[in-house]
Each structure stands twice: as structure tokens, then as C-alpha cells.
């Protein structure tokens, strides 16, 4: 039975066979992560420090039954802010960016998977093929990173106004072409070949139907990305996103 006051200060009682308490996550609750999802202790997150698990502790203290506490979803792309690269809290890089045509590469200049695969799959790609020599988080945990690359056509599909939110904060950097991007971000020049091959497949898929695939089984290619055109790039890392 739950008792509360309505807007007129009238006491209302509601009876129920069960009550589900939803109180926010535990990304900053290191004791709870250690107990239920130890593999994620110190991991970057899209949450802020308010997600400390206090609601979960309160529920547990009064006898609530906790379920699926180990089910912590990791989103593959959280932005690394160049102004604060070690922060545990990251701004989420929405999937709509990849859905609009952004691609992921590592510092060797190579793509390493289907950017439109499920979250867990893309996360595993990044953790396996991304870069492991990036700035350490405030928690002491190493970040695994990759680069998100897009062109103006991707921006137009995603929405210029929303993209400006990230661009204005320095999350995305703009370069006149792939050569300038490689020099500015210290990515290997083979990236030019990577973009040329991707654009070729994307162009064939656009004019030849949806049966074209690349080496990673990708079948949807929203836009080609020309190595000679202006490009935008951001650094991303997987982040804890939902406590299921």
C-alpha cells in the first residue's frame, strides 16, 4: 500500500500486489557495480554523478527484491571532449549519427565493423580493434577509443542545428580533406584508401539496390564519404548507458 498527497494535500492510498521502484542507475555507485557488474567498475558513462545508486540502496534496505542487476547496457559511442578527455562522464554520441552515415575507424586508418550493428556488437568491435593508448579516466581505468568520421551530407541528414551543438563545443573537429585530418588527428594515411573503398561500395549500393555488402557484412550505406571533401571527426569511447 502506497500513501501520498495529491495537489490539494488530500491523502491518497493505493493498494497493489506489487510495486516497481525505478530510481535511476548506478554508474557512479562503485560498491554496487563491484557487487553486480564488476567488469564495468571505473568505466566511462553517459550518466552524471547523480547516478550513484542511492535509490537502489534505499529499496534494498527496506526489503525490495532486486532483479537483473548485472544487466548494464554499454552504448558504443560516447564523445571524448578534448577539453576534458579524462572525465568519466561523457556526452552521448547518438546512434542517429551512424544512422545518417558516419563511420568508425581506428588510428591505423581502418574501419573494423558494421557501424549499424547492434549496440553490443559495435561495442565489441571498438574494444577489440580500437586504440588502447588513450588518456586514462579519472577512475584510473584505460579508455578504448575510435574515431567517428562524417561529411556534410551526413550532417544534413542528421540535422545541422543539432550537429552545431557538438561542433560549437569542440567535440567535432573540421578538416579540409583526409590528408589534413590524418595530420591533425595522427591517423595513418591509409585512411584515404579506407574512405575511397567505402565510398565505392556505398555508391554501388545506392545505384544497384540493397544487396551490396562490405567485408564486415554491412548492407546499408547511407552516404559515400569522399576523401577529398571537408570532413568532421570526433573521438568516441564505449559508455555505460542503461541499468536495465
C-alpha atoms as a PDB file:
ATOM      1  CA  UNK A   1       0.000   0.000   0.000  1.00  0.00           C
ATOM      2  CA  UNK A   2       1.354   3.409  -1.032  1.00  0.00           C
ATOM      3  CA  UNK A   3       0.309   6.661   0.653  1.00  0.00           C
ATOM      4  CA  UNK A   4       0.890  10.089  -0.862  1.00  0.00           C
ATOM      5  CA  UNK A   5      -0.642  13.568  -1.013  1.00  0.00           C
ATOM      6  CA  UNK A   6      -2.265  14.966  -4.143  1.00  0.00           C
ATOM      7  CA  UNK A   7      -2.099  18.608  -5.259  1.00  0.00           C
ATOM      8  CA  UNK A   8      -4.799  19.582  -2.741  1.00  0.00           C
ATOM      9  CA  UNK A   9      -2.941  17.872   0.132  1.00  0.00           C
ATOM     10  CA  UNK A  10      -5.503  15.073   0.244  1.00  0.00           C
ATOM     11  CA  UNK A  11      -4.054  11.794   1.455  1.00  0.00           C
ATOM     12  CA  UNK A  12      -4.454   9.065  -1.140  1.00  0.00           C
ATOM     13  CA  UNK A  13      -3.862   5.358  -0.558  1.00  0.00           C
ATOM     14  CA  UNK A  14      -3.245   2.938  -3.391  1.00  0.00           C
ATOM     15  CA  UNK A  15      -3.220  -0.804  -2.921  1.00  0.00           C
ATOM     16  CA  UNK A  16      -1.255  -3.145  -5.174  1.00  0.00           C
ATOM     17  CA  UNK A  17       0.031  -6.707  -5.258  1.00  0.00           C
ATOM     18  CA  UNK A  18       3.483  -5.370  -6.114  1.00  0.00           C
ATOM     19  CA  UNK A  19       5.280  -2.065  -6.521  1.00  0.00           C
ATOM     20  CA  UNK A  20       8.085  -1.500  -9.009  1.00  0.00           C
ATOM     21  CA  UNK A  21      10.526   1.180  -7.905  1.00  0.00           C
ATOM     22  CA  UNK A  22      12.505   2.917 -10.651  1.00  0.00           C
ATOM     23  CA  UNK A  23      15.103   5.231  -9.219  1.00  0.00           C
ATOM     24  CA  UNK A  24      17.898   5.766 -11.730  1.00  0.00           C
ATOM     25  CA  UNK A  25      21.125   3.911 -12.336  1.00  0.00           C
ATOM     26  CA  UNK A  26      24.340   3.080 -10.507  1.00  0.00           C
ATOM     27  CA  UNK A  27      27.090   4.149 -12.899  1.00  0.00           C
ATOM     28  CA  UNK A  28      28.733   6.135 -10.092  1.00  0.00           C
ATOM     29  CA  UNK A  29      27.820   3.607  -7.391  1.00  0.00           C
ATOM     30  CA  UNK A  30      31.158   1.818  -7.317  1.00  0.00           C
ATOM     31  CA  UNK A  31      30.137  -0.504  -4.485  1.00  0.00           C
ATOM     32  CA  UNK A  32      27.058  -1.651  -6.405  1.00  0.00           C
ATOM     33  CA  UNK A  33      28.996  -2.066  -9.642  1.00  0.00           C
ATOM     34  CA  UNK A  34      31.621  -4.073  -7.797  1.00  0.00           C
ATOM     35  CA  UNK A  35      28.898  -6.361  -6.464  1.00  0.00           C
ATOM     36  CA  UNK A  36      26.741  -6.748  -9.564  1.00  0.00           C
ATOM     37  CA  UNK A  37      28.778  -5.770 -12.662  1.00  0.00           C
ATOM     38  CA  UNK A  38      32.448  -5.806 -11.622  1.00  0.00           C
ATOM     39  CA  UNK A  39      33.681  -5.787 -15.229  1.00  0.00           C
ATOM     40  CA  UNK A  40      32.399  -2.205 -15.549  1.00  0.00           C
ATOM     41  CA  UNK A  41      33.899  -0.647 -12.419  1.00  0.00           C
ATOM     42  CA  UNK A  42      35.550   2.637 -13.384  1.00  0.00           C
ATOM     43  CA  UNK A  43      34.083   2.529 -16.908  1.00  0.00           C
ATOM     44  CA  UNK A  44      33.055   5.736 -18.686  1.00  0.00           C
ATOM     45  CA  UNK A  45      29.336   6.543 -18.577  1.00  0.00           C
ATOM     46  CA  UNK A  46      26.727   8.770 -20.191  1.00  0.00           C
ATOM     47  CA  UNK A  47      25.374   9.460 -16.692  1.00  0.00           C
ATOM     48  CA  UNK A  48      26.433  12.071 -14.176  1.00  0.00           C
ATOM     49  CA  UNK A  49      27.420  11.643 -10.520  1.00  0.00           C
ATOM     50  CA  UNK A  50      23.755  11.725  -9.502  1.00  0.00           C
ATOM     51  CA  UNK A  51      23.513   8.136 -10.771  1.00  0.00           C
ATOM     52  CA  UNK A  52      25.075   6.813  -7.570  1.00  0.00           C
ATOM     53  CA  UNK A  53      22.615   4.010  -6.892  1.00  0.00           C
ATOM     54  CA  UNK A  54      21.141   5.647  -3.773  1.00  0.00           C
ATOM     55  CA  UNK A  55      17.612   4.698  -4.818  1.00  0.00           C
ATOM     56  CA  UNK A  56      18.689   1.102  -5.296  1.00  0.00           C
ATOM     57  CA  UNK A  57      20.232   1.027  -1.820  1.00  0.00           C
ATOM     58  CA  UNK A  58      17.087   2.539  -0.322  1.00  0.00           C
ATOM     59  CA  UNK A  59      14.921  -0.114  -1.950  1.00  0.00           C
ATOM     60  CA  UNK A  60      17.235  -2.906  -0.837  1.00  0.00           C
ATOM     61  CA  UNK A  61      17.310  -1.591   2.728  1.00  0.00           C
ATOM     62  CA  UNK A  62      13.517  -1.852   3.045  1.00  0.00           C
ATOM     63  CA  UNK A  63      13.434  -5.361   1.621  1.00  0.00           C
ATOM     64  CA  UNK A  64      12.779  -4.860  -2.086  1.00  0.00           C
ATOM     65  CA  UNK A  65      13.830  -7.711  -4.347  1.00  0.00           C
ATOM     66  CA  UNK A  66      16.445  -6.584  -6.863  1.00  0.00           C
ATOM     67  CA  UNK A  67      16.413  -8.225 -10.296  1.00  0.00           C
ATOM     68  CA  UNK A  68      18.723  -8.214 -13.330  1.00  0.00           C
ATOM     69  CA  UNK A  69      21.283  -6.059 -11.564  1.00  0.00           C
ATOM     70  CA  UNK A  70      24.065  -7.333 -13.816  1.00  0.00           C
ATOM     71  CA  UNK A  71      22.258  -6.122 -16.956  1.00  0.00           C
ATOM     72  CA  UNK A  72      24.117  -2.875 -17.580  1.00  0.00           C
ATOM     73  CA  UNK A  73      23.931  -1.786 -21.210  1.00  0.00           C
ATOM     74  CA  UNK A  74      27.027  -0.247 -22.760  1.00  0.00           C
ATOM     75  CA  UNK A  75      26.495   2.216 -25.606  1.00  0.00           C
ATOM     76  CA  UNK A  76      29.299   2.053 -28.181  1.00  0.00           C
ATOM     77  CA  UNK A  77      29.736   5.778 -28.717  1.00  0.00           C
ATOM     78  CA  UNK A  78      30.260   8.408 -26.059  1.00  0.00           C
ATOM     79  CA  UNK A  79      32.117  11.552 -27.103  1.00  0.00           C
ATOM     80  CA  UNK A  80      35.525  12.277 -25.621  1.00  0.00           C
ATOM     81  CA  UNK A  81      35.696  16.020 -25.001  1.00  0.00           C
ATOM     82  CA  UNK A  82      39.194  17.264 -25.945  1.00  0.00           C
ATOM     83  CA  UNK A  83      38.881  19.835 -23.156  1.00  0.00           C
ATOM     84  CA  UNK A  84      38.276  17.135 -20.531  1.00  0.00           C
ATOM     85  CA  UNK A  85      39.354  13.781 -22.001  1.00  0.00           C
ATOM     86  CA  UNK A  86      39.751  12.030 -18.639  1.00  0.00           C
ATOM     87  CA  UNK A  87      36.204  12.654 -17.398  1.00  0.00           C
ATOM     88  CA  UNK A  88      34.178   9.561 -16.537  1.00  0.00           C
ATOM     89  CA  UNK A  89      31.008  11.345 -17.694  1.00  0.00           C
ATOM     90  CA  UNK A  90      30.676  11.586 -21.465  1.00  0.00           C
ATOM     91  CA  UNK A  91      28.185  13.275 -23.780  1.00  0.00           C
ATOM     92  CA  UNK A  92      26.359  10.538 -25.676  1.00  0.00           C
ATOM     93  CA  UNK A  93      27.073  10.314 -29.411  1.00  0.00           C
ATOM     94  CA  UNK A  94      23.583   9.448 -30.686  1.00  0.00           C
ATOM     95  CA  UNK A  95      23.090   6.461 -32.949  1.00  0.00           C
ATOM     96  CA  UNK A  96      21.430   8.808 -35.437  1.00  0.00           C
ATOM     97  CA  UNK A  97      24.918   9.978 -36.416  1.00  0.00           C
ATOM     98  CA  UNK A  98      25.894   6.491 -37.541  1.00  0.00           C
ATOM     99  CA  UNK A  99      22.397   6.001 -38.915  1.00  0.00           C
ATOM    100  CA  UNK A 100      22.922   9.098 -41.052  1.00  0.00           C
ATOM    101  CA  UNK A 101      26.179   7.702 -42.428  1.00  0.00           C
ATOM    102  CA  UNK A 102      29.055   8.347 -40.003  1.00  0.00           C
ATOM    103  CA  UNK A 103      31.740   5.671 -39.992  1.00  0.00           C
ATOM    104  CA  UNK A 104      34.191   4.454 -37.336  1.00  0.00           C
ATOM    105  CA  UNK A 105      37.937   3.969 -37.805  1.00  0.00           C
ATOM    106  CA  UNK A 106      40.968   3.409 -35.581  1.00  0.00           C
ATOM    107  CA  UNK A 107      44.262   5.295 -35.583  1.00  0.00           C
ATOM    108  CA  UNK A 108      45.636   2.814 -38.113  1.00  0.00           C
ATOM    109  CA  UNK A 109      43.133   4.310 -40.566  1.00  0.00           C
ATOM    110  CA  UNK A 110      40.991   1.194 -40.844  1.00  0.00           C
ATOM    111  CA  UNK A 111      37.297   0.530 -40.417  1.00  0.00           C
ATOM    112  CA  UNK A 112      36.696  -2.555 -38.267  1.00  0.00           C
ATOM    113  CA  UNK A 113      32.994  -3.422 -38.365  1.00  0.00           C
ATOM    114  CA  UNK A 114      29.450  -2.631 -39.423  1.00  0.00           C
ATOM    115  CA  UNK A 115      28.665   0.744 -37.845  1.00  0.00           C
ATOM    116  CA  UNK A 116      24.951  -0.073 -37.909  1.00  0.00           C
ATOM    117  CA  UNK A 117      25.153  -3.349 -35.986  1.00  0.00           C
ATOM    118  CA  UNK A 118      23.544  -3.737 -32.537  1.00  0.00           C
ATOM    119  CA  UNK A 119      24.995  -1.733 -29.659  1.00  0.00           C
ATOM    120  CA  UNK A 120      26.715  -4.685 -28.028  1.00  0.00           C
ATOM    121  CA  UNK A 121      28.245  -5.767 -31.319  1.00  0.00           C
ATOM    122  CA  UNK A 122      29.623  -2.316 -32.174  1.00  0.00           C
ATOM    123  CA  UNK A 123      30.962  -2.013 -28.626  1.00  0.00           C
ATOM    124  CA  UNK A 124      32.821  -5.315 -29.016  1.00  0.00           C
ATOM    125  CA  UNK A 125      34.307  -4.073 -32.308  1.00  0.00           C
ATOM    126  CA  UNK A 126      35.637  -0.945 -30.634  1.00  0.00           C
ATOM    127  CA  UNK A 127      37.001  -2.801 -27.622  1.00  0.00           C
ATOM    128  CA  UNK A 128      38.788  -5.300 -29.862  1.00  0.00           C
ATOM    129  CA  UNK A 129      40.065  -3.060 -32.672  1.00  0.00           C
ATOM    130  CA  UNK A 130      40.072   0.430 -31.156  1.00  0.00           C
ATOM    131  CA  UNK A 131      43.016   2.276 -29.666  1.00  0.00           C
ATOM    132  CA  UNK A 132      44.133   1.392 -26.144  1.00  0.00           C
ATOM    133  CA  UNK A 133      46.727   4.096 -25.539  1.00  0.00           C
ATOM    134  CA  UNK A 134      44.348   6.959 -24.822  1.00  0.00           C
ATOM    135  CA  UNK A 135      44.146   9.184 -21.707  1.00  0.00           C
ATOM    136  CA  UNK A 136      43.212   7.288 -18.553  1.00  0.00           C
ATOM    137  CA  UNK A 137      39.880   8.102 -16.933  1.00  0.00           C
ATOM    138  CA  UNK A 138      39.643   9.834 -13.565  1.00  0.00           C
ATOM    139  CA  UNK A 139      38.808   6.404 -12.141  1.00  0.00           C
ATOM    140  CA  UNK A 140      42.174   5.041 -13.288  1.00  0.00           C
ATOM    141  CA  UNK A 141      40.624   2.868 -15.988  1.00  0.00           C
ATOM    142  CA  UNK A 142      42.015   2.961 -19.535  1.00  0.00           C
ATOM    143  CA  UNK A 143      39.726   4.145 -22.324  1.00  0.00           C
ATOM    144  CA  UNK A 144      39.395   2.276 -25.610  1.00  0.00           C
ATOM    145  CA  UNK A 145      38.731   4.779 -28.361  1.00  0.00           C
ATOM    146  CA  UNK A 146      37.958   5.149 -32.051  1.00  0.00           C
ATOM    147  CA  UNK A 147      37.265   7.990 -34.459  1.00  0.00           C
ATOM    148  CA  UNK A 148      33.850   8.915 -35.855  1.00  0.00           C
ATOM    149  CA  UNK A 149      34.126  10.482 -39.315  1.00  0.00           C
ATOM    150  CA  UNK A 150      31.398  12.177 -41.339  1.00  0.00           C
ATOM    151  CA  UNK A 151      30.887  14.681 -44.122  1.00  0.00           C
ATOM    152  CA  UNK A 152      28.407  17.491 -44.752  1.00  0.00           C
ATOM    153  CA  UNK A 153      25.885  15.113 -46.295  1.00  0.00           C
ATOM    154  CA  UNK A 154      25.779  13.152 -43.044  1.00  0.00           C
ATOM    155  CA  UNK A 155      25.390  16.420 -41.132  1.00  0.00           C
ATOM    156  CA  UNK A 156      22.489  17.459 -43.363  1.00  0.00           C
ATOM    157  CA  UNK A 157      20.719  14.161 -42.773  1.00  0.00           C
ATOM    158  CA  UNK A 158      21.373  14.267 -39.027  1.00  0.00           C
ATOM    159  CA  UNK A 159      20.394  17.940 -38.710  1.00  0.00           C
ATOM    160  CA  UNK A 160      22.704  20.947 -38.883  1.00  0.00           C
ATOM    161  CA  UNK A 161      21.285  22.688 -35.830  1.00  0.00           C
ATOM    162  CA  UNK A 162      21.785  19.690 -33.556  1.00  0.00           C
ATOM    163  CA  UNK A 163      25.212  18.986 -35.033  1.00  0.00           C
ATOM    164  CA  UNK A 164      26.247  22.573 -34.242  1.00  0.00           C
ATOM    165  CA  UNK A 165      25.707  21.756 -30.562  1.00  0.00           C
ATOM    166  CA  UNK A 166      28.649  19.330 -30.725  1.00  0.00           C
ATOM    167  CA  UNK A 167      30.715  21.353 -33.190  1.00  0.00           C
ATOM    168  CA  UNK A 168      30.484  24.506 -31.096  1.00  0.00           C
ATOM    169  CA  UNK A 169      31.815  22.659 -28.052  1.00  0.00           C
ATOM    170  CA  UNK A 170      34.843  21.352 -29.883  1.00  0.00           C
ATOM    171  CA  UNK A 171      33.595  17.755 -29.795  1.00  0.00           C
ATOM    172  CA  UNK A 172      33.862  17.587 -33.585  1.00  0.00           C
ATOM    173  CA  UNK A 173      36.854  18.987 -35.451  1.00  0.00           C
ATOM    174  CA  UNK A 174      36.639  20.060 -39.110  1.00  0.00           C
ATOM    175  CA  UNK A 175      39.337  19.438 -41.749  1.00  0.00           C
ATOM    176  CA  UNK A 176      39.529  20.423 -45.407  1.00  0.00           C
ATOM    177  CA  UNK A 177      40.263  16.859 -46.578  1.00  0.00           C
ATOM    178  CA  UNK A 178      41.505  13.477 -45.406  1.00  0.00           C
ATOM    179  CA  UNK A 179      45.175  14.488 -45.539  1.00  0.00           C
ATOM    180  CA  UNK A 180      44.636  17.356 -43.130  1.00  0.00           C
ATOM    181  CA  UNK A 181      42.517  15.102 -40.914  1.00  0.00           C
ATOM    182  CA  UNK A 182      45.219  12.425 -40.723  1.00  0.00           C
ATOM    183  CA  UNK A 183      47.845  15.015 -39.837  1.00  0.00           C
ATOM    184  CA  UNK A 184      45.683  16.763 -37.260  1.00  0.00           C
ATOM    185  CA  UNK A 185      44.464  13.590 -35.540  1.00  0.00           C
ATOM    186  CA  UNK A 186      47.596  11.447 -36.025  1.00  0.00           C
ATOM    187  CA  UNK A 187      45.725   8.820 -38.053  1.00  0.00           C
ATOM    188  CA  UNK A 188      47.672   6.729 -40.563  1.00  0.00           C
ATOM    189  CA  UNK A 189      47.394   7.918 -44.215  1.00  0.00           C
ATOM    190  CA  UNK A 190      45.830   4.596 -45.232  1.00  0.00           C
ATOM    191  CA  UNK A 191      42.581   6.270 -44.154  1.00  0.00           C
ATOM    192  CA  UNK A 192      42.378   7.767 -47.654  1.00  0.00           C
ATOM    193  CA  UNK A 193      42.235   4.272 -49.134  1.00  0.00           C
ATOM    194  CA  UNK A 194      39.696   3.227 -46.496  1.00  0.00           C
ATOM    195  CA  UNK A 195      37.377   6.118 -47.404  1.00  0.00           C
ATOM    196  CA  UNK A 196      37.802   5.552 -51.149  1.00  0.00           C
ATOM    197  CA  UNK A 197      36.876   1.875 -50.843  1.00  0.00           C
ATOM    198  CA  UNK A 198      33.923   2.650 -48.590  1.00  0.00           C
ATOM    199  CA  UNK A 199      32.629   5.347 -50.942  1.00  0.00           C
ATOM    200  CA  UNK A 200      32.890   2.970 -53.893  1.00  0.00           C
ATOM    201  CA  UNK A 201      30.780   0.356 -52.124  1.00  0.00           C
ATOM    202  CA  UNK A 202      28.312   2.988 -50.915  1.00  0.00           C
ATOM    203  CA  UNK A 203      27.894   4.319 -54.462  1.00  0.00           C
ATOM    204  CA  UNK A 204      27.307   0.828 -55.877  1.00  0.00           C
ATOM    205  CA  UNK A 205      24.768   0.101 -53.143  1.00  0.00           C
ATOM    206  CA  UNK A 206      22.952   3.367 -53.852  1.00  0.00           C
ATOM    207  CA  UNK A 207      22.535   2.636 -57.562  1.00  0.00           C
ATOM    208  CA  UNK A 208      22.491  -1.141 -57.525  1.00  0.00           C
ATOM    209  CA  UNK A 209      19.991  -1.952 -54.803  1.00  0.00           C
ATOM    210  CA  UNK A 210      20.405  -3.208 -51.257  1.00  0.00           C
ATOM    211  CA  UNK A 211      22.305  -6.441 -51.907  1.00  0.00           C
ATOM    212  CA  UNK A 212      25.823  -4.993 -51.788  1.00  0.00           C
ATOM    213  CA  UNK A 213      27.897  -5.836 -48.698  1.00  0.00           C
ATOM    214  CA  UNK A 214      31.338  -4.892 -47.474  1.00  0.00           C
ATOM    215  CA  UNK A 215      33.977  -7.008 -45.727  1.00  0.00           C
ATOM    216  CA  UNK A 216      32.033  -6.703 -42.440  1.00  0.00           C
ATOM    217  CA  UNK A 217      28.633  -7.698 -43.801  1.00  0.00           C
ATOM    218  CA  UNK A 218      27.270  -4.160 -43.812  1.00  0.00           C
ATOM    219  CA  UNK A 219      24.357  -3.814 -46.229  1.00  0.00           C
ATOM    220  CA  UNK A 220      23.132  -0.240 -45.607  1.00  0.00           C
ATOM    221  CA  UNK A 221      25.394   2.615 -46.736  1.00  0.00           C
ATOM    222  CA  UNK A 222      23.637   5.935 -46.098  1.00  0.00           C
ATOM    223  CA  UNK A 223      26.182   8.126 -47.929  1.00  0.00           C
ATOM    224  CA  UNK A 224      29.614   7.858 -49.577  1.00  0.00           C
ATOM    225  CA  UNK A 225      32.387   9.838 -47.873  1.00  0.00           C
ATOM    226  CA  UNK A 226      34.847  11.357 -50.346  1.00  0.00           C
ATOM    227  CA  UNK A 227      38.434  11.652 -49.097  1.00  0.00           C
ATOM    228  CA  UNK A 228      38.902  14.969 -50.919  1.00  0.00           C
ATOM    229  CA  UNK A 229      35.932  16.774 -49.331  1.00  0.00           C
ATOM    230  CA  UNK A 230      35.754  18.582 -45.962  1.00  0.00           C
ATOM    231  CA  UNK A 231      35.402  16.102 -43.111  1.00  0.00           C
ATOM    232  CA  UNK A 232      34.374  16.197 -39.469  1.00  0.00           C
ATOM    233  CA  UNK A 233      35.876  13.918 -36.826  1.00  0.00           C
ATOM    234  CA  UNK A 234      35.255  13.174 -33.153  1.00  0.00           C
ATOM    235  CA  UNK A 235      36.847  10.703 -30.743  1.00  0.00           C
ATOM    236  CA  UNK A 236      34.482   8.213 -29.112  1.00  0.00           C
ATOM    237  CA  UNK A 237      34.589   5.521 -26.437  1.00  0.00           C
ATOM    238  CA  UNK A 238      32.014   2.979 -25.171  1.00  0.00           C
ATOM    239  CA  UNK A 239      29.993   4.213 -22.170  1.00  0.00           C
ATOM    240  CA  UNK A 240      27.675   2.686 -19.585  1.00  0.00           C
ATOM    241  CA  UNK A 241      24.253   3.892 -20.661  1.00  0.00           C
ATOM    242  CA  UNK A 242      21.330   1.968 -19.117  1.00  0.00           C
ATOM    243  CA  UNK A 243      20.983  -0.053 -15.945  1.00  0.00           C
ATOM    244  CA  UNK A 244      18.342  -2.414 -17.236  1.00  0.00           C
END
